[in-house]
Amino acid sequence: MVSDPGHSGGSRSTADPLEVKLAGEVQKLLLPKGSPLCSWCCMAARNRMANILGGDFYDFIELEDGCQVLFVGDVTGHGLHASVVMALAYGFIHRAVRDVCNPYEVVSALNRCLRTFARRSEKLDHFFSATLFFGIIDPQSKSMSYVNAGHPAGLVMRKGELLRLPATSHPVGYFEQAEFQVDSFQFADHDRLLLYTDGVIDSSNPQGEMFGAERLEETVRRLKGDHEAFLESLFAEVRHYLNGQPLFDDCTAIVADFHDVFIQQGS
């Protein structure tokens, strides 16, 4: 999670505990309870929050043309304010994809939305920003168009080789006239896509050493099993590394395993 030096924990100490608990329950309702069912890919997600309220958000959205949206984001800061921005961003994306099916338009519109709220709350010194990986997968072309706005690099495991989908744009909500780059990736049969938030790699052991991107990549290469087993093992690895230390940041991961054959639409 992008650090918010001015508001790392203030909302936790001033908010009413019952209100925080209620907000946490509402926030849980926003996140998906299951994974999409499609003939060409198996997907799963897992989220472990560091506190009652979190700033990570993610979802899968099937479009009318059969394409699949998947996104994962991480709001700046912690606590009640981050959870409000998370809900705002999550809801805005769901509304935006009804009107446009283009990563650039969706992410640009979200940036404008967050900047509007940032201007309105300027005197409060609150942040309305987030890192975001937003992708649309077309099963007919086996390709994904995506924007990585300041988010940790997506990872694609392909026959023992690890490919990276790094950030090529600034996080959303930071700049008024932000430009977002749309990249594309061509999937192959048996590819495994992993998207995650930085809480995974920033998790620290009792010695203060972070799990880190290098250890994550080694873990991705080593772990076996289907999409569900993979996520279970990945989070078990992080828990083992923590060795009793509490999470400092939310951990979220999405995995997509592509089948032998991408099914054509209408088949």
C-alpha atoms as a PDB file:
ATOM      1  CA  MET A   1       0.000   0.000   0.000  1.00  0.00           C
ATOM      2  CA  VAL A   2       1.246   3.482  -0.844  1.00  0.00           C
ATOM      3  CA  SER A   3       2.111   5.110   2.474  1.00  0.00           C
ATOM      4  CA  ASP A   4       0.183   8.133   3.685  1.00  0.00           C
ATOM      5  CA  PRO A   5       2.527   9.892   6.130  1.00  0.00           C
ATOM      6  CA  GLY A   6      -0.133  12.227   7.426  1.00  0.00           C
ATOM      7  CA  HIS A   7      -2.856   9.660   7.980  1.00  0.00           C
ATOM      8  CA  SER A   8      -1.305   6.288   8.673  1.00  0.00           C
ATOM      9  CA  GLY A   9      -3.505   5.617  11.655  1.00  0.00           C
ATOM     10  CA  GLY A  10      -5.370   8.692  12.796  1.00  0.00           C
ATOM     11  CA  SER A  11      -8.772   7.453  11.685  1.00  0.00           C
ATOM     12  CA  ARG A  12      -8.332   4.255  13.672  1.00  0.00           C
ATOM     13  CA  SER A  13      -7.908   6.149  16.942  1.00  0.00           C
ATOM     14  CA  THR A  14     -10.718   8.707  16.466  1.00  0.00           C
ATOM     15  CA  ALA A  15     -13.477   6.664  14.824  1.00  0.00           C
ATOM     16  CA  ASP A  16     -16.158   5.038  16.948  1.00  0.00           C
ATOM     17  CA  PRO A  17     -15.341   1.298  17.319  1.00  0.00           C
ATOM     18  CA  LEU A  18     -18.911   0.258  16.508  1.00  0.00           C
ATOM     19  CA  GLU A  19     -18.923   2.416  13.386  1.00  0.00           C
ATOM     20  CA  VAL A  20     -15.594   0.967  12.319  1.00  0.00           C
ATOM     21  CA  LYS A  21     -16.932  -2.552  12.818  1.00  0.00           C
ATOM     22  CA  LEU A  22     -20.043  -1.759  10.781  1.00  0.00           C
ATOM     23  CA  ALA A  23     -17.939  -0.179   8.040  1.00  0.00           C
ATOM     24  CA  GLY A  24     -15.813  -3.314   7.973  1.00  0.00           C
ATOM     25  CA  GLU A  25     -18.890  -5.507   7.530  1.00  0.00           C
ATOM     26  CA  VAL A  26     -20.147  -3.309   4.699  1.00  0.00           C
ATOM     27  CA  GLN A  27     -16.729  -3.391   3.066  1.00  0.00           C
ATOM     28  CA  LYS A  28     -16.723  -7.181   3.108  1.00  0.00           C
ATOM     29  CA  LEU A  29     -19.993  -7.155   1.177  1.00  0.00           C
ATOM     30  CA  LEU A  30     -18.299  -5.295  -1.677  1.00  0.00           C
ATOM     31  CA  LEU A  31     -15.614  -7.888  -2.285  1.00  0.00           C
ATOM     32  CA  PRO A  32     -16.541 -10.950  -4.373  1.00  0.00           C
ATOM     33  CA  LYS A  33     -17.497 -14.086  -2.485  1.00  0.00           C
ATOM     34  CA  GLY A  34     -16.638 -16.432  -5.338  1.00  0.00           C
ATOM     35  CA  SER A  35     -14.858 -16.603  -8.664  1.00  0.00           C
ATOM     36  CA  PRO A  36     -16.253 -16.389 -12.204  1.00  0.00           C
ATOM     37  CA  LEU A  37     -17.074 -19.570 -14.065  1.00  0.00           C
ATOM     38  CA  CYS A  38     -15.850 -19.595 -17.635  1.00  0.00           C
ATOM     39  CA  SER A  39     -14.880 -22.299 -20.090  1.00  0.00           C
ATOM     40  CA  TRP A  40     -11.431 -20.983 -20.932  1.00  0.00           C
ATOM     41  CA  CYS A  41      -9.941 -20.026 -17.570  1.00  0.00           C
ATOM     42  CA  CYS A  42     -10.052 -20.820 -13.849  1.00  0.00           C
ATOM     43  CA  MET A  43      -9.801 -17.790 -11.568  1.00  0.00           C
ATOM     44  CA  ALA A  44      -9.590 -17.301  -7.830  1.00  0.00           C
ATOM     45  CA  ALA A  45      -8.841 -14.504  -5.388  1.00  0.00           C
ATOM     46  CA  ARG A  46      -7.845 -14.218  -1.774  1.00  0.00           C
ATOM     47  CA  ASN A  47      -7.723 -11.258   0.591  1.00  0.00           C
ATOM     48  CA  ARG A  48      -6.311 -10.996   4.099  1.00  0.00           C
ATOM     49  CA  MET A  49      -6.813  -7.655   5.813  1.00  0.00           C
ATOM     50  CA  ALA A  50      -4.381  -6.248   8.352  1.00  0.00           C
ATOM     51  CA  ASN A  51      -7.185  -4.530  10.297  1.00  0.00           C
ATOM     52  CA  ILE A  52     -10.968  -4.373  10.399  1.00  0.00           C
ATOM     53  CA  LEU A  53     -10.909  -1.860   7.548  1.00  0.00           C
ATOM     54  CA  GLY A  54      -8.764  -2.204   4.456  1.00  0.00           C
ATOM     55  CA  GLY A  55      -7.746  -0.347   1.340  1.00  0.00           C
ATOM     56  CA  ASP A  56      -7.376  -3.250  -1.106  1.00  0.00           C
ATOM     57  CA  PHE A  57     -10.120  -3.834  -3.672  1.00  0.00           C
ATOM     58  CA  TYR A  58     -10.559  -6.341  -6.487  1.00  0.00           C
ATOM     59  CA  ASP A  59     -13.173  -8.071  -8.604  1.00  0.00           C
ATOM     60  CA  PHE A  60     -14.029  -9.981 -11.767  1.00  0.00           C
ATOM     61  CA  ILE A  61     -16.638  -8.613 -14.189  1.00  0.00           C
ATOM     62  CA  GLU A  62     -17.909 -10.486 -17.245  1.00  0.00           C
ATOM     63  CA  LEU A  63     -18.855  -8.160 -20.085  1.00  0.00           C
ATOM     64  CA  GLU A  64     -21.715  -8.680 -22.526  1.00  0.00           C
ATOM     65  CA  ASP A  65     -19.316  -9.559 -25.343  1.00  0.00           C
ATOM     66  CA  GLY A  66     -17.785 -12.396 -23.302  1.00  0.00           C
ATOM     67  CA  CYS A  67     -14.633 -10.521 -22.338  1.00  0.00           C
ATOM     68  CA  GLN A  68     -13.501 -10.698 -18.718  1.00  0.00           C
ATOM     69  CA  VAL A  69     -12.508  -7.708 -16.616  1.00  0.00           C
ATOM     70  CA  LEU A  70     -10.258  -8.281 -13.644  1.00  0.00           C
ATOM     71  CA  PHE A  71      -8.768  -5.610 -11.451  1.00  0.00           C
ATOM     72  CA  VAL A  72      -6.929  -5.197  -8.183  1.00  0.00           C
ATOM     73  CA  GLY A  73      -6.153  -1.916  -6.466  1.00  0.00           C
ATOM     74  CA  ASP A  74      -4.578  -0.567  -3.303  1.00  0.00           C
ATOM     75  CA  VAL A  75      -5.671   2.759  -1.824  1.00  0.00           C
ATOM     76  CA  THR A  76      -3.207   5.217  -0.314  1.00  0.00           C
ATOM     77  CA  GLY A  77      -3.243   5.202   3.475  1.00  0.00           C
ATOM     78  CA  HIS A  78      -4.988   3.097   6.089  1.00  0.00           C
ATOM     79  CA  GLY A  79      -8.081   3.014   8.234  1.00  0.00           C
ATOM     80  CA  LEU A  80     -11.529   4.490   7.748  1.00  0.00           C
ATOM     81  CA  HIS A  81     -10.556   7.013   5.081  1.00  0.00           C
ATOM     82  CA  ALA A  82      -8.838   4.358   2.955  1.00  0.00           C
ATOM     83  CA  SER A  83     -11.904   2.128   3.226  1.00  0.00           C
ATOM     84  CA  VAL A  84     -14.130   4.960   1.980  1.00  0.00           C
ATOM     85  CA  VAL A  85     -11.854   5.614  -1.009  1.00  0.00           C
ATOM     86  CA  MET A  86     -11.738   1.858  -1.652  1.00  0.00           C
ATOM     87  CA  ALA A  87     -15.547   1.707  -1.807  1.00  0.00           C
ATOM     88  CA  LEU A  88     -15.626   4.771  -4.061  1.00  0.00           C
ATOM     89  CA  ALA A  89     -13.095   3.320  -6.519  1.00  0.00           C
ATOM     90  CA  TYR A  90     -14.687  -0.131  -6.491  1.00  0.00           C
ATOM     91  CA  GLY A  91     -18.158   1.234  -7.198  1.00  0.00           C
ATOM     92  CA  PHE A  92     -16.915   3.657  -9.845  1.00  0.00           C
ATOM     93  CA  ILE A  93     -15.183   0.896 -11.813  1.00  0.00           C
ATOM     94  CA  HIS A  94     -18.315  -1.248 -11.763  1.00  0.00           C
ATOM     95  CA  ARG A  95     -20.336   1.668 -13.101  1.00  0.00           C
ATOM     96  CA  ALA A  96     -17.755   2.695 -15.694  1.00  0.00           C
ATOM     97  CA  VAL A  97     -17.447  -0.709 -17.377  1.00  0.00           C
ATOM     98  CA  ARG A  98     -21.150  -0.578 -18.228  1.00  0.00           C
ATOM     99  CA  ASP A  99     -20.492   2.370 -20.519  1.00  0.00           C
ATOM    100  CA  VAL A 100     -17.040   1.729 -21.968  1.00  0.00           C
ATOM    101  CA  CYS A 101     -14.948  -1.359 -22.609  1.00  0.00           C
ATOM    102  CA  ASN A 102     -11.545   0.246 -22.765  1.00  0.00           C
ATOM    103  CA  PRO A 103      -8.889   0.215 -20.020  1.00  0.00           C
ATOM    104  CA  TYR A 104      -7.726   3.724 -20.855  1.00  0.00           C
ATOM    105  CA  GLU A 105     -11.204   5.236 -20.603  1.00  0.00           C
ATOM    106  CA  VAL A 106     -12.067   3.417 -17.374  1.00  0.00           C
ATOM    107  CA  VAL A 107      -8.813   4.289 -15.600  1.00  0.00           C
ATOM    108  CA  SER A 108      -8.818   7.884 -16.876  1.00  0.00           C
ATOM    109  CA  ALA A 109     -12.397   8.360 -15.673  1.00  0.00           C
ATOM    110  CA  LEU A 110     -11.497   6.934 -12.264  1.00  0.00           C
ATOM    111  CA  ASN A 111      -8.559   9.333 -12.071  1.00  0.00           C
ATOM    112  CA  ARG A 112     -10.856  12.289 -12.778  1.00  0.00           C
ATOM    113  CA  CYS A 113     -13.288  11.069 -10.120  1.00  0.00           C
ATOM    114  CA  LEU A 114     -10.588  10.753  -7.465  1.00  0.00           C
ATOM    115  CA  ARG A 115      -9.108  14.131  -8.359  1.00  0.00           C
ATOM    116  CA  THR A 116     -12.537  15.725  -7.923  1.00  0.00           C
ATOM    117  CA  PHE A 117     -12.810  14.357  -4.399  1.00  0.00           C
ATOM    118  CA  ALA A 118      -9.203  15.320  -3.666  1.00  0.00           C
ATOM    119  CA  ARG A 119      -9.950  18.950  -4.566  1.00  0.00           C
ATOM    120  CA  ARG A 120     -13.081  18.968  -2.417  1.00  0.00           C
ATOM    121  CA  SER A 121     -11.170  17.624   0.585  1.00  0.00           C
ATOM    122  CA  GLU A 122      -8.012  19.687   0.094  1.00  0.00           C
ATOM    123  CA  LYS A 123      -8.386  21.445   3.461  1.00  0.00           C
ATOM    124  CA  LEU A 124      -8.687  18.063   5.188  1.00  0.00           C
ATOM    125  CA  ASP A 125      -5.329  16.953   3.775  1.00  0.00           C
ATOM    126  CA  HIS A 126      -6.725  13.578   2.733  1.00  0.00           C
ATOM    127  CA  PHE A 127      -5.452  11.483  -0.141  1.00  0.00           C
ATOM    128  CA  PHE A 128      -7.756  10.133  -2.858  1.00  0.00           C
ATOM    129  CA  SER A 129      -5.346   7.932  -4.766  1.00  0.00           C
ATOM    130  CA  ALA A 130      -4.526   4.295  -5.405  1.00  0.00           C
ATOM    131  CA  THR A 131      -2.383   1.921  -7.377  1.00  0.00           C
ATOM    132  CA  LEU A 132      -4.399  -0.140  -9.840  1.00  0.00           C
ATOM    133  CA  PHE A 133      -4.011  -3.016 -12.265  1.00  0.00           C
ATOM    134  CA  PHE A 134      -7.024  -3.048 -14.596  1.00  0.00           C
ATOM    135  CA  GLY A 135      -7.197  -5.626 -17.385  1.00  0.00           C
ATOM    136  CA  ILE A 136      -9.690  -6.881 -19.958  1.00  0.00           C
ATOM    137  CA  ILE A 137      -9.137 -10.393 -21.322  1.00  0.00           C
ATOM    138  CA  ASP A 138     -10.540 -11.311 -24.743  1.00  0.00           C
ATOM    139  CA  PRO A 139     -10.893 -15.122 -24.946  1.00  0.00           C
ATOM    140  CA  GLN A 140     -11.169 -15.034 -28.741  1.00  0.00           C
ATOM    141  CA  SER A 141      -7.789 -13.391 -29.278  1.00  0.00           C
ATOM    142  CA  LYS A 142      -6.213 -14.851 -26.101  1.00  0.00           C
ATOM    143  CA  SER A 143      -5.038 -11.346 -25.270  1.00  0.00           C
ATOM    144  CA  MET A 144      -5.340  -8.910 -22.387  1.00  0.00           C
ATOM    145  CA  SER A 145      -5.313  -5.136 -22.709  1.00  0.00           C
ATOM    146  CA  TYR A 146      -4.439  -3.515 -19.419  1.00  0.00           C
ATOM    147  CA  VAL A 147      -3.272  -0.459 -17.524  1.00  0.00           C
ATOM    148  CA  ASN A 148      -0.821  -0.890 -14.679  1.00  0.00           C
ATOM    149  CA  ALA A 149      -1.082   2.368 -12.769  1.00  0.00           C
ATOM    150  CA  GLY A 150       1.737   2.282 -10.229  1.00  0.00           C
ATOM    151  CA  HIS A 151       0.842  -1.246  -9.112  1.00  0.00           C
ATOM    152  CA  PRO A 152       3.266  -4.128  -8.439  1.00  0.00           C
ATOM    153  CA  ALA A 153       4.154  -5.997 -11.618  1.00  0.00           C
ATOM    154  CA  GLY A 154       1.766  -8.730 -12.649  1.00  0.00           C
ATOM    155  CA  LEU A 155       3.456 -12.105 -13.073  1.00  0.00           C
ATOM    156  CA  VAL A 156       2.829 -14.694 -15.775  1.00  0.00           C
ATOM    157  CA  MET A 157       4.218 -18.186 -15.299  1.00  0.00           C
ATOM    158  CA  ARG A 158       4.798 -19.898 -18.658  1.00  0.00           C
ATOM    159  CA  LYS A 159       6.454 -23.317 -18.827  1.00  0.00           C
ATOM    160  CA  GLY A 160       8.972 -22.477 -16.117  1.00  0.00           C
ATOM    161  CA  GLU A 161       9.615 -18.946 -17.365  1.00  0.00           C
ATOM    162  CA  LEU A 162       8.387 -15.937 -15.404  1.00  0.00           C
ATOM    163  CA  LEU A 163       7.169 -12.917 -17.368  1.00  0.00           C
ATOM    164  CA  ARG A 164       6.479  -9.529 -15.765  1.00  0.00           C
ATOM    165  CA  LEU A 165       3.821  -6.909 -16.470  1.00  0.00           C
ATOM    166  CA  PRO A 166       5.348  -3.833 -14.772  1.00  0.00           C
ATOM    167  CA  ALA A 167       3.757  -0.473 -14.059  1.00  0.00           C
ATOM    168  CA  THR A 168       3.918   1.937 -16.990  1.00  0.00           C
ATOM    169  CA  SER A 169       1.676   4.679 -15.562  1.00  0.00           C
ATOM    170  CA  HIS A 170       1.360   6.751 -12.398  1.00  0.00           C
ATOM    171  CA  PRO A 171      -1.119   5.711  -9.688  1.00  0.00           C
ATOM    172  CA  VAL A 172      -4.651   7.035 -10.131  1.00  0.00           C
ATOM    173  CA  GLY A 173      -5.653  10.178  -8.276  1.00  0.00           C
ATOM    174  CA  TYR A 174      -2.257  11.882  -8.122  1.00  0.00           C
ATOM    175  CA  PHE A 175      -2.307  14.156 -11.171  1.00  0.00           C
ATOM    176  CA  GLU A 176      -5.055  16.150 -12.868  1.00  0.00           C
ATOM    177  CA  GLN A 177      -3.848  15.565 -16.423  1.00  0.00           C
ATOM    178  CA  ALA A 178      -2.503  12.056 -15.982  1.00  0.00           C
ATOM    179  CA  GLU A 179      -1.766   9.945 -19.040  1.00  0.00           C
ATOM    180  CA  PHE A 180      -2.290   6.215 -18.758  1.00  0.00           C
ATOM    181  CA  GLN A 181      -0.562   3.743 -21.034  1.00  0.00           C
ATOM    182  CA  VAL A 182      -2.516   0.749 -22.301  1.00  0.00           C
ATOM    183  CA  ASP A 183      -0.354  -2.336 -22.728  1.00  0.00           C
ATOM    184  CA  SER A 184      -1.261  -5.737 -24.125  1.00  0.00           C
ATOM    185  CA  PHE A 185      -0.228  -9.282 -23.393  1.00  0.00           C
ATOM    186  CA  GLN A 186      -0.743 -12.405 -25.482  1.00  0.00           C
ATOM    187  CA  PHE A 187      -1.563 -15.465 -23.396  1.00  0.00           C
ATOM    188  CA  ALA A 188      -0.693 -19.050 -24.264  1.00  0.00           C
ATOM    189  CA  ASP A 189      -2.249 -22.309 -23.129  1.00  0.00           C
ATOM    190  CA  HIS A 190      -1.300 -23.263 -19.547  1.00  0.00           C
ATOM    191  CA  ASP A 191      -0.241 -19.718 -18.614  1.00  0.00           C
ATOM    192  CA  ARG A 192      -0.784 -18.674 -14.997  1.00  0.00           C
ATOM    193  CA  LEU A 193      -1.417 -14.980 -14.263  1.00  0.00           C
ATOM    194  CA  LEU A 194      -0.856 -13.593 -10.765  1.00  0.00           C
ATOM    195  CA  LEU A 195      -1.899 -10.113  -9.656  1.00  0.00           C
ATOM    196  CA  TYR A 196      -1.283  -8.987  -6.088  1.00  0.00           C
ATOM    197  CA  THR A 197      -0.992  -5.980  -3.800  1.00  0.00           C
ATOM    198  CA  ASP A 198       2.241  -4.871  -2.185  1.00  0.00           C
ATOM    199  CA  GLY A 199       1.111  -6.135   1.205  1.00  0.00           C
ATOM    200  CA  VAL A 200       2.271  -9.551  -0.005  1.00  0.00           C
ATOM    201  CA  ILE A 201       5.855  -8.507  -0.700  1.00  0.00           C
ATOM    202  CA  ASP A 202       6.035  -5.969   2.151  1.00  0.00           C
ATOM    203  CA  SER A 203       5.145  -8.551   4.817  1.00  0.00           C
ATOM    204  CA  SER A 204       8.042  -8.650   7.298  1.00  0.00           C
ATOM    205  CA  ASN A 205       9.451 -11.345   9.566  1.00  0.00           C
ATOM    206  CA  PRO A 206      10.526 -10.730  13.207  1.00  0.00           C
ATOM    207  CA  GLN A 207      13.925  -9.524  11.949  1.00  0.00           C
ATOM    208  CA  GLY A 208      12.238  -6.795   9.907  1.00  0.00           C
ATOM    209  CA  GLU A 209      13.110  -8.406   6.566  1.00  0.00           C
ATOM    210  CA  MET A 210      10.412  -8.130   3.910  1.00  0.00           C
ATOM    211  CA  PHE A 211       9.107 -11.088   1.947  1.00  0.00           C
ATOM    212  CA  GLY A 212      10.133  -9.186  -1.167  1.00  0.00           C
ATOM    213  CA  ALA A 213       9.536  -9.466  -4.904  1.00  0.00           C
ATOM    214  CA  GLU A 214      12.438 -11.867  -5.435  1.00  0.00           C
ATOM    215  CA  ARG A 215      11.125 -14.347  -2.865  1.00  0.00           C
ATOM    216  CA  LEU A 216       7.628 -14.042  -4.327  1.00  0.00           C
ATOM    217  CA  GLU A 217       8.899 -14.867  -7.803  1.00  0.00           C
ATOM    218  CA  GLU A 218      10.808 -17.875  -6.484  1.00  0.00           C
ATOM    219  CA  THR A 219       7.640 -19.010  -4.702  1.00  0.00           C
ATOM    220  CA  VAL A 220       5.542 -18.628  -7.855  1.00  0.00           C
ATOM    221  CA  ARG A 221       8.017 -20.767  -9.785  1.00  0.00           C
ATOM    222  CA  ARG A 222       8.015 -23.462  -7.115  1.00  0.00           C
ATOM    223  CA  LEU A 223       4.364 -23.832  -6.135  1.00  0.00           C
ATOM    224  CA  LYS A 224       2.254 -26.468  -7.858  1.00  0.00           C
ATOM    225  CA  GLY A 225      -1.428 -27.312  -7.897  1.00  0.00           C
ATOM    226  CA  ASP A 226      -4.510 -25.713  -9.397  1.00  0.00           C
ATOM    227  CA  HIS A 227      -5.513 -22.074  -8.965  1.00  0.00           C
ATOM    228  CA  GLU A 228      -7.161 -22.596  -5.580  1.00  0.00           C
ATOM    229  CA  ALA A 229      -4.315 -24.718  -4.201  1.00  0.00           C
ATOM    230  CA  PHE A 230      -1.791 -22.203  -5.510  1.00  0.00           C
ATOM    231  CA  LEU A 231      -3.364 -19.312  -3.610  1.00  0.00           C
ATOM    232  CA  GLU A 232      -3.705 -21.402  -0.461  1.00  0.00           C
ATOM    233  CA  SER A 233      -0.022 -22.314  -0.629  1.00  0.00           C
ATOM    234  CA  LEU A 234       1.050 -18.750  -1.420  1.00  0.00           C
ATOM    235  CA  PHE A 235      -0.704 -17.296   1.615  1.00  0.00           C
ATOM    236  CA  ALA A 236       0.627 -20.152   3.750  1.00  0.00           C
ATOM    237  CA  GLU A 237       4.152 -19.200   2.637  1.00  0.00           C
ATOM    238  CA  VAL A 238       3.555 -15.589   3.673  1.00  0.00           C
ATOM    239  CA  ARG A 239       2.136 -16.640   7.064  1.00  0.00           C
ATOM    240  CA  HIS A 240       5.129 -18.896   7.649  1.00  0.00           C
ATOM    241  CA  TYR A 241       7.501 -16.054   6.767  1.00  0.00           C
ATOM    242  CA  LEU A 242       5.745 -13.692   9.182  1.00  0.00           C
ATOM    243  CA  ASN A 243       6.476 -16.201  11.970  1.00  0.00           C
ATOM    244  CA  GLY A 244       3.889 -14.707  14.272  1.00  0.00           C
ATOM    245  CA  GLN A 245       4.355 -11.092  13.237  1.00  0.00           C
ATOM    246  CA  PRO A 246       1.099  -9.216  12.538  1.00  0.00           C
ATOM    247  CA  LEU A 247       0.335  -8.005   9.052  1.00  0.00           C
ATOM    248  CA  PHE A 248       1.229  -4.357   8.512  1.00  0.00           C
ATOM    249  CA  ASP A 249      -0.729  -4.098   5.265  1.00  0.00           C
ATOM    250  CA  ASP A 250      -3.579  -5.885   3.507  1.00  0.00           C
ATOM    251  CA  CYS A 251      -2.637  -8.817   1.277  1.00  0.00           C
ATOM    252  CA  THR A 252      -4.629  -9.549  -1.868  1.00  0.00           C
ATOM    253  CA  ALA A 253      -3.908 -11.882  -4.776  1.00  0.00           C
ATOM    254  CA  ILE A 254      -5.760 -12.914  -7.930  1.00  0.00           C
ATOM    255  CA  VAL A 255      -4.736 -15.924  -9.995  1.00  0.00           C
ATOM    256  CA  ALA A 256      -5.961 -16.992 -13.435  1.00  0.00           C
ATOM    257  CA  ASP A 257      -5.048 -20.360 -14.955  1.00  0.00           C
ATOM    258  CA  PHE A 258      -5.656 -20.612 -18.688  1.00  0.00           C
ATOM    259  CA  HIS A 259      -6.929 -23.878 -20.119  1.00  0.00           C
ATOM    260  CA  ASP A 260      -5.483 -25.941 -22.946  1.00  0.00           C
ATOM    261  CA  VAL A 261      -7.926 -24.412 -25.410  1.00  0.00           C
ATOM    262  CA  PHE A 262      -9.436 -20.950 -25.375  1.00  0.00           C
ATOM    263  CA  ILE A 263     -13.092 -21.553 -26.172  1.00  0.00           C
ATOM    264  CA  GLN A 264     -14.506 -19.490 -29.011  1.00  0.00           C
ATOM    265  CA  GLN A 265     -17.515 -17.338 -28.241  1.00  0.00           C
ATOM    266  CA  GLY A 266     -20.797 -19.115 -28.779  1.00  0.00           C
ATOM    267  CA  SER A 267     -19.290 -22.608 -28.671  1.00  0.00           C
END
